[in-house]
Every structure is written in structure tokens, then in C-alpha cells.
């Protein structure tokens, strides 16, 4: 796979599109009719070729009203999805408003699933507003800015998260703003000396 960057677009050339990629694309093709979204966390590094599994794909979405959510919910149900948290759409919407995540998967499956949250803070809003677009053939997937993604992964701090951050640093080394990474790390209270690779 070759990666080319042009403005906000990241082109993935000769990428083998996986079942997980198609699962994400199919879901967001419905979601984007109703609200803006951005993919964050582990799937971002997987999208760019990191070889590891994941159970869920994390999405942040702009807040929507109940009527819009009901239309979105109904279209998902019509397209063979179900929600793991609850069957009642009003209860699901209430969870989102309470700052909780809701999860959706293809009917009769639990994994993989999509985890959806409303944006709730400054960094969430930056992820949404300053997103990049990963281009896979005719598919486009909004992803969080790589610098913020790296800083947040280091903030989470598990071995898997640190490896995700290191992977993104390595493959995008010529295109990253170290200033932005350090800025986001400072906001998150992450100390640079805690990690075994240079940022």
C-alpha cells in the first residue's frame, strides 16, 4: 500500500480493502446523511496498515436532535443493524445526551461494532472540525487529525495504544507537525519522556 497526502486528503493507493473497512464504510454512508462524524482511536492505525485486531470502531458525531436520531436509527434497523445497548431509540438517545456511548453492529453479530458518542469537549470538536479524509478508491472516511490521534493514544497509555502512536509516527514522519503533537500532549498532560520513541 502506498500513501499520498494532498491537503486534507490521505490517499491509500493499492490498499486491499478488508471486511472491516467495508463495515465502516457501509455504516458511515448511512450516518453522514444525518450528521458530521469523525473516526478516532484504534481503527485509524489499522486503516493505515497496522496489523492488529479490534472489536469496535469509535466515532464522534455532532449533536443531533431526537427527530434526526430517530430517522438515523430507523434507517439502520432497515439496513440490518441493531443496537447492543438497548432496543428503545429514545433510551439510546438519552444515553448519548448523558455523554455515554451507544454501540451498533450488523444484526446477529456483536463484533465488530461501532461505538458512537456526541462530541463533548474542545479536543472532540477539534477532531471533528480539523479531520482528514482517508481515501480508499471511491470511499472516503473522516479521521481525526494524526497529531491529535498520536497524542491521545499516548494519553491512553496501554501497550497497544503506545504501539498505535509509534506506528503512526513512523509512517507519517515526514508529514506530522511535532509542534501540534506536543501541543496536544500538553493539553492532555502527557510527558514526552515517558515513551521510548522520539516525537
Protein backbone atom coordinates (compact mmCIF):
# COMPACT_ATOMS: atom_id res chain seq x y z
CA UNK A 1 0.00 0.00 0.00
CA UNK A 2 1.23 3.48 -0.89
CA UNK A 3 0.17 6.59 0.99
CA UNK A 4 -0.04 10.03 -0.62
CA UNK A 5 -1.11 13.22 1.13
CA UNK A 6 -2.70 16.20 -0.55
CA UNK A 7 -4.22 18.94 1.63
CA UNK A 8 -6.80 17.27 3.90
CA UNK A 9 -6.87 14.06 1.82
CA UNK A 10 -4.77 10.98 2.56
CA UNK A 11 -4.84 8.63 -0.43
CA UNK A 12 -4.32 4.92 0.24
CA UNK A 13 -3.16 3.51 -3.09
CA UNK A 14 -3.26 -0.25 -3.78
CA UNK A 15 -4.81 -0.96 -0.39
CA UNK A 16 -6.58 -4.29 0.00
CA UNK A 17 -9.98 -3.25 1.31
CA UNK A 18 -10.90 -5.52 4.20
CA UNK A 19 -14.27 -6.64 5.52
CA UNK A 20 -13.70 -4.29 8.45
CA UNK A 21 -13.15 -1.36 6.07
CA UNK A 22 -16.39 -2.19 4.23
CA UNK A 23 -18.24 -2.47 7.55
CA UNK A 24 -17.07 1.04 8.47
CA UNK A 25 -17.85 2.49 5.03
CA UNK A 26 -21.34 0.97 4.91
CA UNK A 27 -22.17 2.38 8.33
CA UNK A 28 -20.86 5.89 7.74
CA UNK A 29 -22.64 6.07 4.38
CA UNK A 30 -25.85 5.99 6.42
CA UNK A 31 -24.58 8.14 9.30
CA UNK A 32 -23.32 11.03 7.16
CA UNK A 33 -26.83 11.68 5.88
CA UNK A 34 -27.75 12.84 9.38
CA UNK A 35 -24.67 14.42 10.98
CA UNK A 36 -20.96 15.10 10.71
CA UNK A 37 -18.66 12.42 12.12
CA UNK A 38 -15.02 11.56 12.67
CA UNK A 39 -13.37 8.18 13.28
CA UNK A 40 -10.97 8.15 16.23
CA UNK A 41 -8.81 5.67 18.16
CA UNK A 42 -7.60 2.19 17.13
CA UNK A 43 -9.19 1.79 13.72
CA UNK A 44 -7.19 4.76 12.40
CA UNK A 45 -3.88 2.88 12.68
CA UNK A 46 -5.49 -0.31 11.33
CA UNK A 47 -6.75 1.65 8.33
CA UNK A 48 -3.16 2.62 7.52
CA UNK A 49 -1.89 -0.94 7.65
CA UNK A 50 -1.14 -1.73 11.28
CA UNK A 51 -1.74 -5.43 11.78
CA UNK A 52 -3.89 -5.88 14.84
CA UNK A 53 -7.47 -6.75 15.62
CA UNK A 54 -10.18 -4.53 17.04
CA UNK A 55 -13.65 -5.15 18.40
CA UNK A 56 -15.02 -1.67 17.92
CA UNK A 57 -14.70 1.43 15.78
CA UNK A 58 -15.01 4.68 17.70
CA UNK A 59 -16.94 7.58 16.15
CA UNK A 60 -17.57 11.08 17.42
CA UNK A 61 -20.59 12.82 15.98
CA UNK A 62 -22.07 16.30 16.15
CA UNK A 63 -25.04 16.54 18.46
CA UNK A 64 -28.36 15.92 16.73
CA UNK A 65 -31.93 16.28 17.92
CA UNK A 66 -34.29 13.46 18.77
CA UNK A 67 -36.16 13.56 15.45
CA UNK A 68 -32.92 13.29 13.47
CA UNK A 69 -31.70 10.46 15.67
CA UNK A 70 -34.96 8.55 15.20
CA UNK A 71 -34.61 8.79 11.41
CA UNK A 72 -30.98 7.62 11.64
CA UNK A 73 -31.95 4.78 13.98
CA UNK A 74 -34.78 3.64 11.74
CA UNK A 75 -32.59 3.60 8.63
CA UNK A 76 -30.00 1.49 10.45
CA UNK A 77 -32.66 -1.00 11.55
CA UNK A 78 -33.99 -1.17 7.99
CA UNK A 79 -30.45 -1.96 6.81
CA UNK A 80 -29.94 -4.94 9.11
CA UNK A 81 -28.19 -3.25 12.06
CA UNK A 82 -29.07 -3.49 15.74
CA UNK A 83 -28.00 -1.65 18.89
CA UNK A 84 -26.22 -3.54 21.64
CA UNK A 85 -27.19 -1.15 24.47
CA UNK A 86 -30.96 -1.03 24.16
CA UNK A 87 -33.80 -1.54 21.70
CA UNK A 88 -35.70 1.63 22.53
CA UNK A 89 -34.40 4.54 20.40
CA UNK A 90 -35.50 7.11 22.99
CA UNK A 91 -33.39 5.32 25.60
CA UNK A 92 -30.44 5.23 23.19
CA UNK A 93 -30.75 8.96 22.51
CA UNK A 94 -30.87 9.62 26.24
CA UNK A 95 -27.60 7.73 26.66
CA UNK A 96 -25.95 9.93 24.04
CA UNK A 97 -27.24 13.07 25.75
CA UNK A 98 -25.83 11.78 29.06
CA UNK A 99 -22.37 11.56 27.50
CA UNK A 100 -22.44 7.79 27.13
CA UNK A 101 -21.60 5.70 24.08
CA UNK A 102 -24.04 3.58 22.13
CA UNK A 103 -22.98 0.60 20.02
CA UNK A 104 -24.34 -0.74 16.75
CA UNK A 105 -23.47 -3.88 14.81
CA UNK A 106 -24.79 -5.93 11.94
CA UNK A 107 -27.77 -7.97 13.08
CA UNK A 108 -26.91 -11.25 14.84
CA UNK A 109 -23.34 -10.02 15.40
CA UNK A 110 -21.62 -8.30 18.31
CA UNK A 111 -18.14 -7.89 16.82
CA UNK A 112 -17.18 -5.68 15.12
CA UNK A 113 -19.35 -2.86 16.36
CA UNK A 114 -19.49 0.90 16.00
CA UNK A 115 -19.25 2.97 19.18
CA UNK A 116 -20.88 6.40 18.84
CA UNK A 117 -20.55 9.39 21.16
CA UNK A 118 -21.58 13.02 20.91
CA UNK A 119 -18.68 15.48 20.89
CA UNK A 120 -18.27 16.82 24.42
CA UNK A 121 -15.07 18.86 24.77
CA UNK A 122 -12.53 21.02 22.96
CA UNK A 123 -10.44 18.13 21.64
CA UNK A 124 -13.52 16.32 20.32
CA UNK A 125 -14.51 19.47 18.46
CA UNK A 126 -11.01 19.82 17.02
CA UNK A 127 -11.15 16.19 15.85
CA UNK A 128 -14.41 16.87 14.06
CA UNK A 129 -13.55 20.27 12.61
CA UNK A 130 -9.96 19.55 11.53
CA UNK A 131 -10.48 15.98 10.36
CA UNK A 132 -8.59 14.43 7.46
CA UNK A 133 -10.18 12.23 4.82
CA UNK A 134 -8.68 8.79 4.17
CA UNK A 135 -9.47 7.97 0.54
CA UNK A 136 -9.86 4.28 -0.35
CA UNK A 137 -10.75 4.01 -4.03
CA UNK A 138 -14.15 5.71 -4.16
CA UNK A 139 -14.63 5.62 -0.38
CA UNK A 140 -13.80 8.50 1.93
CA UNK A 141 -13.51 8.09 5.71
CA UNK A 142 -13.19 11.11 8.02
CA UNK A 143 -10.43 10.52 10.58
CA UNK A 144 -9.10 12.61 13.44
CA UNK A 145 -6.01 14.78 12.83
CA UNK A 146 -3.00 12.49 13.09
CA UNK A 147 -1.22 14.70 15.62
CA UNK A 148 -4.21 14.58 17.95
CA UNK A 149 -4.63 10.87 17.37
CA UNK A 150 -1.00 10.24 18.38
CA UNK A 151 -1.21 12.41 21.50
CA UNK A 152 -4.46 10.78 22.59
CA UNK A 153 -3.07 7.29 22.11
CA UNK A 154 -0.11 8.20 24.32
CA UNK A 155 -2.55 9.62 26.87
CA UNK A 156 -4.44 6.30 26.97
CA UNK A 157 -1.10 4.66 27.65
CA UNK A 158 -1.69 0.93 27.18
CA UNK A 159 0.93 -1.05 25.26
CA UNK A 160 -1.46 -1.34 22.32
CA UNK A 161 -2.17 2.39 22.31
CA UNK A 162 1.52 3.34 22.51
CA UNK A 163 2.28 0.96 19.65
CA UNK A 164 -0.52 2.59 17.61
CA UNK A 165 1.03 6.02 18.26
CA UNK A 166 4.53 4.80 17.34
CA UNK A 167 3.20 3.23 14.13
CA UNK A 168 1.52 6.45 13.02
CA UNK A 169 4.64 8.47 13.90
CA UNK A 170 6.73 6.15 11.77
CA UNK A 171 4.64 6.03 8.61
CA UNK A 172 3.71 9.74 8.65
CA UNK A 173 7.03 11.09 9.98
CA UNK A 174 7.55 13.46 7.04
CA UNK A 175 4.05 14.94 7.30
CA UNK A 176 3.46 15.42 11.03
CA UNK A 177 3.69 18.68 12.93
CA UNK A 178 5.76 18.00 16.04
CA UNK A 179 4.55 21.31 17.41
CA UNK A 180 0.93 20.15 17.18
CA UNK A 181 1.70 16.76 18.73
CA UNK A 182 3.44 18.44 21.66
CA UNK A 183 0.62 20.96 21.98
CA UNK A 184 -2.00 18.21 22.25
CA UNK A 185 0.22 16.21 24.62
CA UNK A 186 0.49 19.28 26.86
CA UNK A 187 -3.30 19.68 26.87
CA UNK A 188 -3.67 16.00 27.83
CA UNK A 189 -0.89 16.14 30.40
CA UNK A 190 1.27 13.58 28.62
CA UNK A 191 5.01 13.72 29.36
CA UNK A 192 7.21 13.14 26.31
CA UNK A 193 9.98 11.44 28.27
CA UNK A 194 7.66 8.59 29.23
CA UNK A 195 7.84 6.97 25.78
CA UNK A 196 10.58 5.07 24.03
CA UNK A 197 10.46 6.82 20.67
CA UNK A 198 11.16 10.40 19.65
CA UNK A 199 8.37 12.80 18.85
